[in-house]
Amino acid sequence: MRDTKESRLLLVLLIAIAFALITVDIRGGRNSPVDGARQAAAAVFGPIENGMSTAVDPVGNAVSAVRDSGDRHDRLAVMEKENAALKAKLGSDDRTRSRLNQLDKMLKVAGQGQYGIKGAQVIAIGAAQGFSWTITIDAGADDGIKRDMTVLNGDGLVGRVTTVGPDTATVLLANDPDFTVGTRMEAGDELGFASGQGDRPLRVELLNGKAEVKKGDRLVTFGSQADKPFVPGVPVGVVSRVDPSGGGLTRTLYVTPYVGFSKLDIVGVVVAGPKKDPRDEVLPAKPKPVPTPTVTVTVTPSADGSAPDDTDTDGQQQ
């Protein structure tokens, strides 16, 4: 397009329309008038994201190329592809082990909490439909995924499902500023609400302004009615700072989440909630305290059998 007065005016108009749609979407919340368009976009672009995730897998590409190369390549080319596939597979062993460890941890969490989960892989970071802290996973409506389902991994709470396409879904992460979840303190009934703060700790407002809380205390999800959007008992994080009590109706805490939101890979969507609240059973075991070394002083008698002299600070005998 040539740089003309008309083209500049068109660009300004498009930008204004985009910001208007964003504003309407944010103010609309769950009843946003553009929610239908967002779901349609998820249905259209989700398979593309999923396909691109598959396309960049070096092992899959190499194996597929070897399998389909019969009529297009000679034997030498096939051997080169096989060698490349073998090298790629050997190079991905660490990643495979990491994924198996993540899966094992997640299944352990699901077993402890009695959650029915659908495993999924993160295939994209950030959503094409907005500017939030989100991920896209390779499971959607065809896999039984629905909006407002809890998402977790082997460490704890990841987020909740917000948009669902046939083969993919968008997950709003727990550190997003628009994310809020009810929490409960470990071994107690102090309730609060945790909100995301991006790359900073979660901010928790306890309903009891006089609650006794200290650094190192742990929190889990309180749960929602009919387990939507949150099931109870999912580990949230550890208290890292407590604001001084100012006599207000609430008390503010800052919580370091268990989940590392910048390194998500294998996650689980809770498709069936627990029959009963697991309370604190899903929390990881507390680290054992390191014992403090003690020093024992033994007094040795002098050679003549007499007790050692007591000497004052000036070196004079008592």
C-alpha atoms as a PDB file:
ATOM      1  CA  MET A   1       0.000   0.000   0.000  1.00  0.00           C
ATOM      2  CA  ARG A   2       1.341   3.433  -0.914  1.00  0.00           C
ATOM      3  CA  ASP A   3       1.912   5.948   1.860  1.00  0.00           C
ATOM      4  CA  THR A   4      -0.899   8.386   1.181  1.00  0.00           C
ATOM      5  CA  LYS A   5      -3.208  10.521   3.265  1.00  0.00           C
ATOM      6  CA  GLU A   6      -6.014   8.012   2.709  1.00  0.00           C
ATOM      7  CA  SER A   7      -3.904   5.019   3.794  1.00  0.00           C
ATOM      8  CA  ARG A   8      -2.822   6.805   6.977  1.00  0.00           C
ATOM      9  CA  LEU A   9      -6.441   7.682   7.774  1.00  0.00           C
ATOM     10  CA  LEU A  10      -7.446   4.025   7.238  1.00  0.00           C
ATOM     11  CA  LEU A  11      -4.662   2.835   9.575  1.00  0.00           C
ATOM     12  CA  VAL A  12      -5.774   5.249  12.334  1.00  0.00           C
ATOM     13  CA  LEU A  13      -9.381   4.104  11.900  1.00  0.00           C
ATOM     14  CA  LEU A  14      -8.429   0.411  12.197  1.00  0.00           C
ATOM     15  CA  ILE A  15      -6.391   1.076  15.357  1.00  0.00           C
ATOM     16  CA  ALA A  16      -9.320   2.979  16.896  1.00  0.00           C
ATOM     17  CA  ILE A  17     -11.698   0.112  16.116  1.00  0.00           C
ATOM     18  CA  ALA A  18      -9.279  -2.418  17.634  1.00  0.00           C
ATOM     19  CA  PHE A  19      -9.006  -0.473  20.900  1.00  0.00           C
ATOM     20  CA  ALA A  20     -12.776  -0.041  21.005  1.00  0.00           C
ATOM     21  CA  LEU A  21     -13.278  -3.813  20.677  1.00  0.00           C
ATOM     22  CA  ILE A  22     -10.698  -4.484  23.402  1.00  0.00           C
ATOM     23  CA  THR A  23     -12.458  -2.041  25.753  1.00  0.00           C
ATOM     24  CA  VAL A  24     -15.876  -3.595  25.081  1.00  0.00           C
ATOM     25  CA  ASP A  25     -14.435  -7.088  25.614  1.00  0.00           C
ATOM     26  CA  ILE A  26     -12.791  -6.211  28.945  1.00  0.00           C
ATOM     27  CA  ARG A  27     -15.860  -4.438  30.319  1.00  0.00           C
ATOM     28  CA  GLY A  28     -18.138  -7.239  29.172  1.00  0.00           C
ATOM     29  CA  GLY A  29     -16.269  -9.921  31.145  1.00  0.00           C
ATOM     30  CA  ARG A  30     -17.880 -13.343  30.808  1.00  0.00           C
ATOM     31  CA  ASN A  31     -20.854 -11.772  28.968  1.00  0.00           C
ATOM     32  CA  SER A  32     -18.653 -10.013  26.447  1.00  0.00           C
ATOM     33  CA  PRO A  33     -20.436  -9.399  23.104  1.00  0.00           C
ATOM     34  CA  VAL A  34     -17.290 -10.515  21.278  1.00  0.00           C
ATOM     35  CA  ASP A  35     -17.078 -13.839  23.110  1.00  0.00           C
ATOM     36  CA  GLY A  36     -18.654 -15.619  20.149  1.00  0.00           C
ATOM     37  CA  ALA A  37     -16.027 -14.193  17.832  1.00  0.00           C
ATOM     38  CA  ARG A  38     -13.307 -15.265  20.250  1.00  0.00           C
ATOM     39  CA  GLN A  39     -14.577 -18.846  20.306  1.00  0.00           C
ATOM     40  CA  ALA A  40     -14.790 -18.834  16.531  1.00  0.00           C
ATOM     41  CA  ALA A  41     -11.195 -17.625  16.384  1.00  0.00           C
ATOM     42  CA  ALA A  42     -10.169 -20.416  18.745  1.00  0.00           C
ATOM     43  CA  ALA A  43     -11.875 -22.931  16.479  1.00  0.00           C
ATOM     44  CA  VAL A  44     -10.095 -21.545  13.398  1.00  0.00           C
ATOM     45  CA  PHE A  45      -6.633 -20.810  14.753  1.00  0.00           C
ATOM     46  CA  GLY A  46      -6.418 -23.571  17.391  1.00  0.00           C
ATOM     47  CA  PRO A  47      -5.752 -26.352  14.867  1.00  0.00           C
ATOM     48  CA  ILE A  48      -3.174 -24.121  13.186  1.00  0.00           C
ATOM     49  CA  GLU A  49      -1.305 -23.626  16.485  1.00  0.00           C
ATOM     50  CA  ASN A  50      -1.556 -27.332  17.166  1.00  0.00           C
ATOM     51  CA  GLY A  51      -0.290 -28.120  13.684  1.00  0.00           C
ATOM     52  CA  MET A  52       2.634 -25.732  14.010  1.00  0.00           C
ATOM     53  CA  SER A  53       3.556 -27.339  17.344  1.00  0.00           C
ATOM     54  CA  THR A  54       3.685 -30.694  15.594  1.00  0.00           C
ATOM     55  CA  ALA A  55       5.579 -29.254  12.651  1.00  0.00           C
ATOM     56  CA  VAL A  56       8.511 -28.155  14.767  1.00  0.00           C
ATOM     57  CA  ASP A  57       9.042 -31.566  16.345  1.00  0.00           C
ATOM     58  CA  PRO A  58      12.344 -32.759  14.806  1.00  0.00           C
ATOM     59  CA  VAL A  59      11.795 -36.421  15.670  1.00  0.00           C
ATOM     60  CA  GLY A  60       8.308 -36.538  14.214  1.00  0.00           C
ATOM     61  CA  ASN A  61       9.356 -34.750  11.045  1.00  0.00           C
ATOM     62  CA  ALA A  62      12.327 -37.019  10.482  1.00  0.00           C
ATOM     63  CA  VAL A  63      10.388 -40.251  11.062  1.00  0.00           C
ATOM     64  CA  SER A  64       7.534 -39.062   8.840  1.00  0.00           C
ATOM     65  CA  ALA A  65       9.945 -38.072   6.105  1.00  0.00           C
ATOM     66  CA  VAL A  66      11.573 -41.499   6.157  1.00  0.00           C
ATOM     67  CA  ARG A  67       8.213 -43.282   6.091  1.00  0.00           C
ATOM     68  CA  ASP A  68       6.939 -41.332   3.058  1.00  0.00           C
ATOM     69  CA  SER A  69      10.175 -41.063   1.143  1.00  0.00           C
ATOM     70  CA  GLY A  70      10.013 -44.339  -0.829  1.00  0.00           C
ATOM     71  CA  ASP A  71       9.116 -42.888  -4.218  1.00  0.00           C
ATOM     72  CA  ARG A  72      10.757 -39.492  -3.816  1.00  0.00           C
ATOM     73  CA  HIS A  73      14.246 -40.193  -2.503  1.00  0.00           C
ATOM     74  CA  ASP A  74      16.923 -42.679  -3.185  1.00  0.00           C
ATOM     75  CA  ARG A  75      18.406 -44.997  -0.574  1.00  0.00           C
ATOM     76  CA  LEU A  76      21.159 -42.558   0.380  1.00  0.00           C
ATOM     77  CA  ALA A  77      18.655 -39.824   1.157  1.00  0.00           C
ATOM     78  CA  VAL A  78      16.637 -42.228   3.313  1.00  0.00           C
ATOM     79  CA  MET A  79      19.738 -43.182   5.308  1.00  0.00           C
ATOM     80  CA  GLU A  80      20.557 -39.524   5.848  1.00  0.00           C
ATOM     81  CA  LYS A  81      17.047 -38.958   7.167  1.00  0.00           C
ATOM     82  CA  GLU A  82      17.320 -41.966   9.473  1.00  0.00           C
ATOM     83  CA  ASN A  83      20.595 -40.672  10.872  1.00  0.00           C
ATOM     84  CA  ALA A  84      19.071 -37.232  11.412  1.00  0.00           C
ATOM     85  CA  ALA A  85      16.076 -38.784  13.190  1.00  0.00           C
ATOM     86  CA  LEU A  86      18.350 -40.835  15.449  1.00  0.00           C
ATOM     87  CA  LYS A  87      20.403 -37.780  16.386  1.00  0.00           C
ATOM     88  CA  ALA A  88      17.246 -35.801  17.083  1.00  0.00           C
ATOM     89  CA  LYS A  89      15.883 -38.587  19.267  1.00  0.00           C
ATOM     90  CA  LEU A  90      19.103 -38.869  21.213  1.00  0.00           C
ATOM     91  CA  GLY A  91      19.155 -35.111  21.636  1.00  0.00           C
ATOM     92  CA  SER A  92      15.608 -35.087  23.024  1.00  0.00           C
ATOM     93  CA  ASP A  93      16.173 -37.697  25.734  1.00  0.00           C
ATOM     94  CA  ASP A  94      16.504 -35.020  28.428  1.00  0.00           C
ATOM     95  CA  ARG A  95      13.259 -33.426  27.335  1.00  0.00           C
ATOM     96  CA  THR A  96      11.507 -36.799  27.298  1.00  0.00           C
ATOM     97  CA  ARG A  97      12.695 -37.562  30.820  1.00  0.00           C
ATOM     98  CA  SER A  98      11.561 -34.120  31.953  1.00  0.00           C
ATOM     99  CA  ARG A  99       8.081 -34.690  30.528  1.00  0.00           C
ATOM    100  CA  LEU A 100       7.821 -38.106  32.150  1.00  0.00           C
ATOM    101  CA  ASN A 101       8.764 -36.568  35.500  1.00  0.00           C
ATOM    102  CA  GLN A 102       6.158 -33.830  35.034  1.00  0.00           C
ATOM    103  CA  LEU A 103       3.522 -36.420  34.156  1.00  0.00           C
ATOM    104  CA  ASP A 104       4.390 -38.576  37.178  1.00  0.00           C
ATOM    105  CA  LYS A 105       4.123 -35.584  39.535  1.00  0.00           C
ATOM    106  CA  MET A 106       0.809 -34.516  38.013  1.00  0.00           C
ATOM    107  CA  LEU A 107      -0.684 -38.007  38.306  1.00  0.00           C
ATOM    108  CA  LYS A 108       0.421 -38.121  41.941  1.00  0.00           C
ATOM    109  CA  VAL A 109      -1.342 -34.822  42.625  1.00  0.00           C
ATOM    110  CA  ALA A 110      -4.469 -36.077  40.839  1.00  0.00           C
ATOM    111  CA  GLY A 111      -4.422 -39.278  42.883  1.00  0.00           C
ATOM    112  CA  GLN A 112      -4.003 -37.471  46.204  1.00  0.00           C
ATOM    113  CA  GLY A 113      -6.817 -35.060  45.438  1.00  0.00           C
ATOM    114  CA  GLN A 114      -9.014 -37.636  43.667  1.00  0.00           C
ATOM    115  CA  TYR A 115      -9.270 -35.367  40.631  1.00  0.00           C
ATOM    116  CA  GLY A 116     -10.290 -36.750  37.262  1.00  0.00           C
ATOM    117  CA  ILE A 117      -7.914 -35.068  34.816  1.00  0.00           C
ATOM    118  CA  LYS A 118      -7.299 -34.854  31.086  1.00  0.00           C
ATOM    119  CA  GLY A 119      -3.601 -34.466  30.289  1.00  0.00           C
ATOM    120  CA  ALA A 120      -2.534 -31.863  27.749  1.00  0.00           C
ATOM    121  CA  GLN A 121       0.560 -30.197  26.370  1.00  0.00           C
ATOM    122  CA  VAL A 122       1.182 -26.471  26.130  1.00  0.00           C
ATOM    123  CA  ILE A 123       1.480 -25.593  22.447  1.00  0.00           C
ATOM    124  CA  ALA A 124       1.454 -21.788  22.568  1.00  0.00           C
ATOM    125  CA  ILE A 125       2.096 -18.948  24.993  1.00  0.00           C
ATOM    126  CA  GLY A 126      -0.239 -15.979  24.931  1.00  0.00           C
ATOM    127  CA  ALA A 127      -3.597 -15.880  23.202  1.00  0.00           C
ATOM    128  CA  ALA A 128      -4.320 -14.590  19.733  1.00  0.00           C
ATOM    129  CA  GLN A 129      -7.568 -13.168  21.135  1.00  0.00           C
ATOM    130  CA  GLY A 130      -6.164 -10.825  23.782  1.00  0.00           C
ATOM    131  CA  PHE A 131      -3.242  -9.499  25.792  1.00  0.00           C
ATOM    132  CA  SER A 132      -3.430 -11.662  28.922  1.00  0.00           C
ATOM    133  CA  TRP A 133      -1.138 -14.150  30.661  1.00  0.00           C
ATOM    134  CA  THR A 134      -2.456 -17.229  28.869  1.00  0.00           C
ATOM    135  CA  ILE A 135      -1.401 -20.502  27.314  1.00  0.00           C
ATOM    136  CA  THR A 136      -2.968 -22.679  24.615  1.00  0.00           C
ATOM    137  CA  ILE A 137      -3.213 -26.429  25.179  1.00  0.00           C
ATOM    138  CA  ASP A 138      -3.746 -29.254  22.680  1.00  0.00           C
ATOM    139  CA  ALA A 139      -7.052 -30.462  24.162  1.00  0.00           C
ATOM    140  CA  GLY A 140     -10.490 -29.034  23.476  1.00  0.00           C
ATOM    141  CA  ALA A 141     -14.204 -29.724  23.320  1.00  0.00           C
ATOM    142  CA  ASP A 142     -13.629 -33.020  21.520  1.00  0.00           C
ATOM    143  CA  ASP A 143     -11.671 -34.162  24.587  1.00  0.00           C
ATOM    144  CA  GLY A 144     -14.370 -33.162  27.065  1.00  0.00           C
ATOM    145  CA  ILE A 145     -12.830 -29.797  27.943  1.00  0.00           C
ATOM    146  CA  LYS A 146     -15.282 -27.055  28.933  1.00  0.00           C
ATOM    147  CA  ARG A 147     -15.007 -23.445  29.975  1.00  0.00           C
ATOM    148  CA  ASP A 148     -14.262 -22.737  33.666  1.00  0.00           C
ATOM    149  CA  MET A 149     -12.426 -25.961  34.412  1.00  0.00           C
ATOM    150  CA  THR A 150      -9.467 -25.988  36.812  1.00  0.00           C
ATOM    151  CA  VAL A 151      -6.012 -26.489  35.277  1.00  0.00           C
ATOM    152  CA  LEU A 152      -3.113 -27.826  37.347  1.00  0.00           C
ATOM    153  CA  ASN A 153       0.239 -29.555  37.034  1.00  0.00           C
ATOM    154  CA  GLY A 154       2.505 -31.509  39.345  1.00  0.00           C
ATOM    155  CA  ASP A 155       3.299 -28.380  41.378  1.00  0.00           C
ATOM    156  CA  GLY A 156      -0.154 -26.892  41.899  1.00  0.00           C
ATOM    157  CA  LEU A 157      -2.660 -24.447  40.448  1.00  0.00           C
ATOM    158  CA  VAL A 158      -1.960 -23.328  36.866  1.00  0.00           C
ATOM    159  CA  GLY A 159      -5.192 -21.490  35.999  1.00  0.00           C
ATOM    160  CA  ARG A 160      -8.651 -21.990  34.511  1.00  0.00           C
ATOM    161  CA  VAL A 161     -10.028 -22.656  31.037  1.00  0.00           C
ATOM    162  CA  THR A 162     -11.532 -19.547  29.421  1.00  0.00           C
ATOM    163  CA  THR A 163     -12.041 -20.379  25.731  1.00  0.00           C
ATOM    164  CA  VAL A 164     -12.585 -23.768  24.131  1.00  0.00           C
ATOM    165  CA  GLY A 165     -12.224 -24.839  20.494  1.00  0.00           C
ATOM    166  CA  PRO A 166     -12.698 -28.318  19.037  1.00  0.00           C
ATOM    167  CA  ASP A 167      -9.048 -29.353  19.470  1.00  0.00           C
ATOM    168  CA  THR A 168      -7.507 -26.639  21.652  1.00  0.00           C
ATOM    169  CA  ALA A 169      -8.332 -24.476  24.654  1.00  0.00           C
ATOM    170  CA  THR A 170      -7.071 -21.229  26.161  1.00  0.00           C
ATOM    171  CA  VAL A 171      -6.070 -21.166  29.833  1.00  0.00           C
ATOM    172  CA  LEU A 172      -5.920 -17.969  31.886  1.00  0.00           C
ATOM    173  CA  LEU A 173      -2.901 -18.315  34.184  1.00  0.00           C
ATOM    174  CA  ALA A 174      -3.154 -17.728  37.915  1.00  0.00           C
ATOM    175  CA  ASN A 175      -0.653 -14.866  37.743  1.00  0.00           C
ATOM    176  CA  ASP A 176      -2.836 -12.840  35.354  1.00  0.00           C
ATOM    177  CA  PRO A 177      -4.083  -9.558  36.927  1.00  0.00           C
ATOM    178  CA  ASP A 178      -7.680 -10.532  36.021  1.00  0.00           C
ATOM    179  CA  PHE A 179      -7.373 -13.899  37.777  1.00  0.00           C
ATOM    180  CA  THR A 180      -8.965 -14.411  41.217  1.00  0.00           C
ATOM    181  CA  VAL A 181      -9.346 -17.619  43.226  1.00  0.00           C
ATOM    182  CA  GLY A 182     -10.672 -18.356  46.705  1.00  0.00           C
ATOM    183  CA  THR A 183      -8.015 -19.689  49.080  1.00  0.00           C
ATOM    184  CA  ARG A 184      -7.812 -21.397  52.472  1.00  0.00           C
ATOM    185  CA  MET A 185      -4.867 -21.422  54.859  1.00  0.00           C
ATOM    186  CA  GLU A 186      -3.298 -24.791  55.635  1.00  0.00           C
ATOM    187  CA  ALA A 187      -4.490 -26.461  58.854  1.00  0.00           C
ATOM    188  CA  GLY A 188      -7.077 -23.735  59.430  1.00  0.00           C
ATOM    189  CA  ASP A 189     -10.190 -22.081  58.146  1.00  0.00           C
ATOM    190  CA  GLU A 190      -8.884 -18.609  57.304  1.00  0.00           C
ATOM    191  CA  LEU A 191     -10.303 -17.776  53.883  1.00  0.00           C
ATOM    192  CA  GLY A 192      -9.207 -15.195  51.351  1.00  0.00           C
ATOM    193  CA  PHE A 193      -8.974 -14.281  47.706  1.00  0.00           C
ATOM    194  CA  ALA A 194      -5.752 -14.502  45.690  1.00  0.00           C
ATOM    195  CA  SER A 195      -5.179 -12.284  42.662  1.00  0.00           C
ATOM    196  CA  GLY A 196      -2.447 -12.436  40.042  1.00  0.00           C
ATOM    197  CA  GLN A 197       0.212  -9.744  39.711  1.00  0.00           C
ATOM    198  CA  GLY A 198       2.108 -10.829  36.607  1.00  0.00           C
ATOM    199  CA  ASP A 199       5.671 -11.798  37.447  1.00  0.00           C
ATOM    200  CA  ARG A 200       5.270 -10.695  41.096  1.00  0.00           C
ATOM    201  CA  PRO A 201       3.909 -12.801  43.980  1.00  0.00           C
ATOM    202  CA  LEU A 202       0.166 -13.369  44.237  1.00  0.00           C
ATOM    203  CA  ARG A 203      -1.710 -10.869  46.388  1.00  0.00           C
ATOM    204  CA  VAL A 204      -4.080 -12.454  48.934  1.00  0.00           C
ATOM    205  CA  GLU A 205      -6.719 -10.591  50.923  1.00  0.00           C
ATOM    206  CA  LEU A 206      -7.721 -12.572  54.018  1.00  0.00           C
ATOM    207  CA  LEU A 207     -11.293 -12.002  55.166  1.00  0.00           C
ATOM    208  CA  ASN A 208     -10.158 -11.903  58.792  1.00  0.00           C
ATOM    209  CA  GLY A 209      -8.087  -8.774  59.409  1.00  0.00           C
ATOM    210  CA  LYS A 210      -6.794 -10.193  62.709  1.00  0.00           C
ATOM    211  CA  ALA A 211      -5.751 -13.586  61.369  1.00  0.00           C
ATOM    212  CA  GLU A 212      -2.448 -14.934  62.704  1.00  0.00           C
ATOM    213  CA  VAL A 213      -0.282 -15.548  59.643  1.00  0.00           C
ATOM    214  CA  LYS A 214       3.472 -15.886  59.242  1.00  0.00           C
ATOM    215  CA  LYS A 215       5.998 -16.300  56.478  1.00  0.00           C
ATOM    216  CA  GLY A 216       6.110 -19.902  55.255  1.00  0.00           C
ATOM    217  CA  ASP A 217       2.410 -20.635  55.775  1.00  0.00           C
ATOM    218  CA  ARG A 218       0.789 -22.408  52.823  1.00  0.00           C
ATOM    219  CA  LEU A 219      -2.471 -21.982  50.927  1.00  0.00           C
ATOM    220  CA  VAL A 220      -4.746 -24.202  48.827  1.00  0.00           C
ATOM    221  CA  THR A 221      -7.810 -23.468  46.711  1.00  0.00           C
ATOM    222  CA  PHE A 222     -11.060 -23.212  48.648  1.00  0.00           C
ATOM    223  CA  GLY A 223     -13.181 -24.528  45.783  1.00  0.00           C
ATOM    224  CA  SER A 224     -16.246 -23.231  43.972  1.00  0.00           C
ATOM    225  CA  GLN A 225     -19.873 -24.271  43.776  1.00  0.00           C
ATOM    226  CA  ALA A 226     -20.156 -27.408  41.625  1.00  0.00           C
ATOM    227  CA  ASP A 227     -16.314 -27.260  41.283  1.00  0.00           C
ATOM    228  CA  LYS A 228     -16.562 -24.516  38.639  1.00  0.00           C
ATOM    229  CA  PRO A 229     -14.201 -22.895  38.043  1.00  0.00           C
ATOM    230  CA  PHE A 230     -12.082 -24.275  40.902  1.00  0.00           C
ATOM    231  CA  VAL A 231     -11.911 -27.604  42.686  1.00  0.00           C
ATOM    232  CA  PRO A 232     -10.807 -27.574  46.360  1.00  0.00           C
ATOM    233  CA  GLY A 233      -7.426 -28.525  47.765  1.00  0.00           C
ATOM    234  CA  VAL A 234      -5.119 -27.587  44.873  1.00  0.00           C
ATOM    235  CA  PRO A 235      -1.815 -26.138  46.198  1.00  0.00           C
ATOM    236  CA  VAL A 236      -1.529 -22.399  45.507  1.00  0.00           C
ATOM    237  CA  GLY A 237       1.684 -21.190  47.131  1.00  0.00           C
ATOM    238  CA  VAL A 238       3.689 -20.156  50.194  1.00  0.00           C
ATOM    239  CA  VAL A 239       3.382 -16.889  52.128  1.00  0.00           C
ATOM    240  CA  SER A 240       6.465 -14.779  51.451  1.00  0.00           C
ATOM    241  CA  ARG A 241       5.386 -11.517  53.135  1.00  0.00           C
ATOM    242  CA  VAL A 242       2.649 -10.335  55.486  1.00  0.00           C
ATOM    243  CA  ASP A 243       1.586  -6.707  55.633  1.00  0.00           C
ATOM    244  CA  PRO A 244       1.311  -5.335  59.171  1.00  0.00           C
ATOM    245  CA  SER A 245      -2.221  -5.481  60.528  1.00  0.00           C
ATOM    246  CA  GLY A 246      -3.686  -1.999  60.457  1.00  0.00           C
ATOM    247  CA  GLY A 247      -6.939  -2.858  62.140  1.00  0.00           C
ATOM    248  CA  GLY A 248      -8.755  -3.171  58.802  1.00  0.00           C
ATOM    249  CA  LEU A 249     -11.425  -5.658  57.862  1.00  0.00           C
ATOM    250  CA  THR A 250      -8.978  -7.682  55.747  1.00  0.00           C
ATOM    251  CA  ARG A 251      -5.298  -8.585  55.884  1.00  0.00           C
ATOM    252  CA  THR A 252      -2.939  -8.581  52.926  1.00  0.00           C
ATOM    253  CA  LEU A 253      -0.472 -11.379  52.202  1.00  0.00           C
ATOM    254  CA  TYR A 254       1.969 -11.957  49.351  1.00  0.00           C
ATOM    255  CA  VAL A 255       2.271 -15.544  48.201  1.00  0.00           C
ATOM    256  CA  THR A 256       4.951 -17.155  46.039  1.00  0.00           C
ATOM    257  CA  PRO A 257       3.106 -19.615  43.776  1.00  0.00           C
ATOM    258  CA  TYR A 258       4.218 -23.225  43.551  1.00  0.00           C
ATOM    259  CA  VAL A 259       3.906 -23.184  39.754  1.00  0.00           C
ATOM    260  CA  GLY A 260       6.574 -21.654  37.530  1.00  0.00           C
ATOM    261  CA  PHE A 261       4.427 -19.955  34.888  1.00  0.00           C
ATOM    262  CA  SER A 262       7.352 -19.314  32.545  1.00  0.00           C
ATOM    263  CA  LYS A 263       8.190 -23.020  32.096  1.00  0.00           C
ATOM    264  CA  LEU A 264       4.869 -24.811  31.629  1.00  0.00           C
ATOM    265  CA  ASP A 265       4.775 -27.918  29.440  1.00  0.00           C
ATOM    266  CA  ILE A 266       2.568 -30.777  30.678  1.00  0.00           C
ATOM    267  CA  VAL A 267      -0.683 -29.764  32.417  1.00  0.00           C
ATOM    268  CA  GLY A 268      -3.938 -31.436  33.437  1.00  0.00           C
ATOM    269  CA  VAL A 269      -7.502 -30.168  33.097  1.00  0.00           C
ATOM    270  CA  VAL A 270      -9.768 -31.323  35.929  1.00  0.00           C
ATOM    271  CA  VAL A 271     -12.773 -32.794  34.132  1.00  0.00           C
ATOM    272  CA  ALA A 272     -14.210 -34.426  37.296  1.00  0.00           C
ATOM    273  CA  GLY A 273     -13.974 -32.971  40.797  1.00  0.00           C
ATOM    274  CA  PRO A 274     -13.266 -34.943  43.981  1.00  0.00           C
ATOM    275  CA  LYS A 275     -16.076 -36.621  45.927  1.00  0.00           C
ATOM    276  CA  LYS A 276     -14.889 -34.843  49.071  1.00  0.00           C
ATOM    277  CA  ASP A 277     -12.623 -31.897  49.842  1.00  0.00           C
ATOM    278  CA  PRO A 278      -9.035 -33.211  50.082  1.00  0.00           C
ATOM    279  CA  ARG A 279      -8.175 -30.306  52.400  1.00  0.00           C
ATOM    280  CA  ASP A 280      -4.352 -30.288  52.783  1.00  0.00           C
ATOM    281  CA  GLU A 281      -3.635 -33.784  51.465  1.00  0.00           C
ATOM    282  CA  VAL A 282      -2.297 -32.532  48.125  1.00  0.00           C
ATOM    283  CA  LEU A 283       0.242 -30.139  49.619  1.00  0.00           C
ATOM    284  CA  PRO A 284       3.864 -31.302  49.253  1.00  0.00           C
ATOM    285  CA  ALA A 285       5.653 -32.629  52.295  1.00  0.00           C
ATOM    286  CA  LYS A 286       7.227 -29.902  54.399  1.00  0.00           C
ATOM    287  CA  PRO A 287      11.025 -29.786  54.286  1.00  0.00           C
ATOM    288  CA  LYS A 288      12.631 -31.375  57.317  1.00  0.00           C
ATOM    289  CA  PRO A 289      14.308 -28.863  59.662  1.00  0.00           C
ATOM    290  CA  VAL A 290      18.079 -28.874  59.611  1.00  0.00           C
ATOM    291  CA  PRO A 291      19.357 -29.876  63.091  1.00  0.00           C
ATOM    292  CA  THR A 292      21.431 -27.269  64.908  1.00  0.00           C
ATOM    293  CA  PRO A 293      24.892 -28.642  65.823  1.00  0.00           C
ATOM    294  CA  THR A 294      25.681 -28.673  69.534  1.00  0.00           C
ATOM    295  CA  VAL A 295      29.111 -28.293  71.092  1.00  0.00           C
ATOM    296  CA  THR A 296      30.069 -30.349  74.168  1.00  0.00           C
ATOM    297  CA  VAL A 297      32.935 -29.064  76.342  1.00  0.00           C
ATOM    298  CA  THR A 298      34.810 -31.681  78.410  1.00  0.00           C
ATOM    299  CA  VAL A 299      37.019 -30.542  81.298  1.00  0.00           C
ATOM    300  CA  THR A 300      40.227 -32.596  81.646  1.00  0.00           C
ATOM    301  CA  PRO A 301      41.832 -32.792  85.172  1.00  0.00           C
ATOM    302  CA  SER A 302      45.438 -31.647  85.613  1.00  0.00           C
ATOM    303  CA  ALA A 303      48.287 -34.149  85.887  1.00  0.00           C
ATOM    304  CA  ASP A 304      48.390 -34.047  89.754  1.00  0.00           C
ATOM    305  CA  GLY A 305      44.698 -34.883  89.970  1.00  0.00           C
ATOM    306  CA  SER A 306      43.644 -31.445  91.218  1.00  0.00           C
ATOM    307  CA  ALA A 307      40.893 -29.490  89.543  1.00  0.00           C
ATOM    308  CA  PRO A 308      41.951 -26.766  87.143  1.00  0.00           C
ATOM    309  CA  ASP A 309      42.386 -23.322  88.688  1.00  0.00           C
ATOM    310  CA  ASP A 310      39.592 -20.803  88.267  1.00  0.00           C
ATOM    311  CA  THR A 311      41.092 -17.617  86.946  1.00  0.00           C
ATOM    312  CA  ASP A 312      39.361 -14.254  86.804  1.00  0.00           C
ATOM    313  CA  THR A 313      39.484 -11.880  83.880  1.00  0.00           C
ATOM    314  CA  ASP A 314      42.676 -10.253  85.180  1.00  0.00           C
ATOM    315  CA  GLY A 315      44.558 -13.538  85.296  1.00  0.00           C
ATOM    316  CA  GLN A 316      44.627 -13.579  89.153  1.00  0.00           C
ATOM    317  CA  GLN A 317      43.872 -16.793  91.047  1.00  0.00           C
ATOM    318  CA  GLN A 318      40.680 -16.772  93.122  1.00  0.00           C
END
